[in-house]
Amino acid sequence: MANRWRKTDGALLIGFCVLASIISLDLLPINQPPSSSSSTELRRYLKAKSTRRRRRRRRATSETSTTSIYSWASDHLQPLTVIPDPSKETVLFWHIPKSGGTTAQQIYKCLDLAVASRAGSLPRFGHDQDEELLTFHPRKKNRGPTYVNVDTTSKAGILRAEELGLVPSGLADIIITSEPKFAIEHLYDDSHRGRVIGLFRHPVDRLVSKFYYLQIADWERTYSPEWKKLSVLEFATKKNNDNNTMVKHLAGKRMNEQVTEVDLLIAMRTVNQRFIVGLTNQMEESIHRFNIVIGIDEPNEEHKKCIDHIEKKNSNPHPKVEEGSPEWEAFAGKNALDIRLYDYILQIFEEQKEVIESYAIDMAVQEGIMSQ
């Protein structure tokens, strides 16, 4: 798989830097790190710290470990207590429209990860009828992104990817989809458990952004130029049917179905125990956390260039809707469950900081042990 950690010294250095930052914040009382620069001593020290941090991670999740979550998540996804293994796991990115997913996708294309999304099955590339899986560069001289020849954005495409054995093949570094439940049910199994990452945005801000974006985005299949004739309030009260979309997707319900408090509760538990969450308004930190899970070597000038260039490129300025305004209240009234889920995700984001940092240390230790 592309761009995965392979250099032990680099991995140990990253793990030690993260550990040093934790020590400096007095988050974890520990013995002083070895004064010697010996890699053996460093490995021994990190291994001891790794063991303690795993115990803390298990204790942190023990209160909810037996609480019910959606079966598609419990059966097919790794719990957060398990250290990521990028060489054996395939990450799925839940793309929630207008929440920064396109930006994240372009960053990983720029870094030349093998991406399974919709692009690899577009007829213009000539691989939509392939009977075997493969990766390819759509541009000449093997430049640009690497695509897997499947479509993981539609249910029909997901079923084709399942038939071709996408996840067992290990060809994809990251799978992009807006259908998390369906994709996870069909692409993963108990022998090939995955990881889910996702960017989240306040539901009202997301819908306002969608309203303005689809008025001008003539390249999108849902391009809606007629919305230019509407006010934000008219759109919120008369046209918008994209409500409580996060809870509905997790519950496996159609957009015209209703979701309940029970759906919300199970969704909250599922996200807490199985998802690595990022926030649209904290893109750099979110991508950093995702990179640890995917296994990307961050101390890389090319990585920084990709993030800086794409973050500046992907912006669609539009008027803001102020909280408490009639427009805000109209959106919020129809998205109460999603707003509560988002508020909970804000809490999870803060709590996961230490979990992700522990991953970096543990993965560095494992790399060091394996290289001995």
Foldseek 3Di string as FASTA:
>chain_A
DPQFDDDLVLLLVLLVVLVVVCVVVVVDDDDDQDPDPDPVSSLVVLVVVLVVLLVVVCVVCVVCPPPDADPLLVFFADWLSDFFDLQQAAEEEADDAQFCPVLLVQLVQLSQFAEEAAVLLPVVQPLVPDPEWDWAQSDPPRDTHIYINFHQADLVRLQSCLVNQVQVVSRGLYYYYNQVSSNSNRNGGNVHHHAYEYADEQQLQSVVVVLVVLLPPPVDPSRDVVSVPPDLQCCLQPPDLCALVQLCSSVVHDSPDDDDPVSLVSSLSSCLTGHQYHYSVPVVVSSVLVCLNSRHSPPDPSSVVSSVVSVVVDDDDDDDDDPPDSSNCSRCVRHVSVNVSVVSVVVSNVVCPSSSSSSSSVVSSVSVVVVD
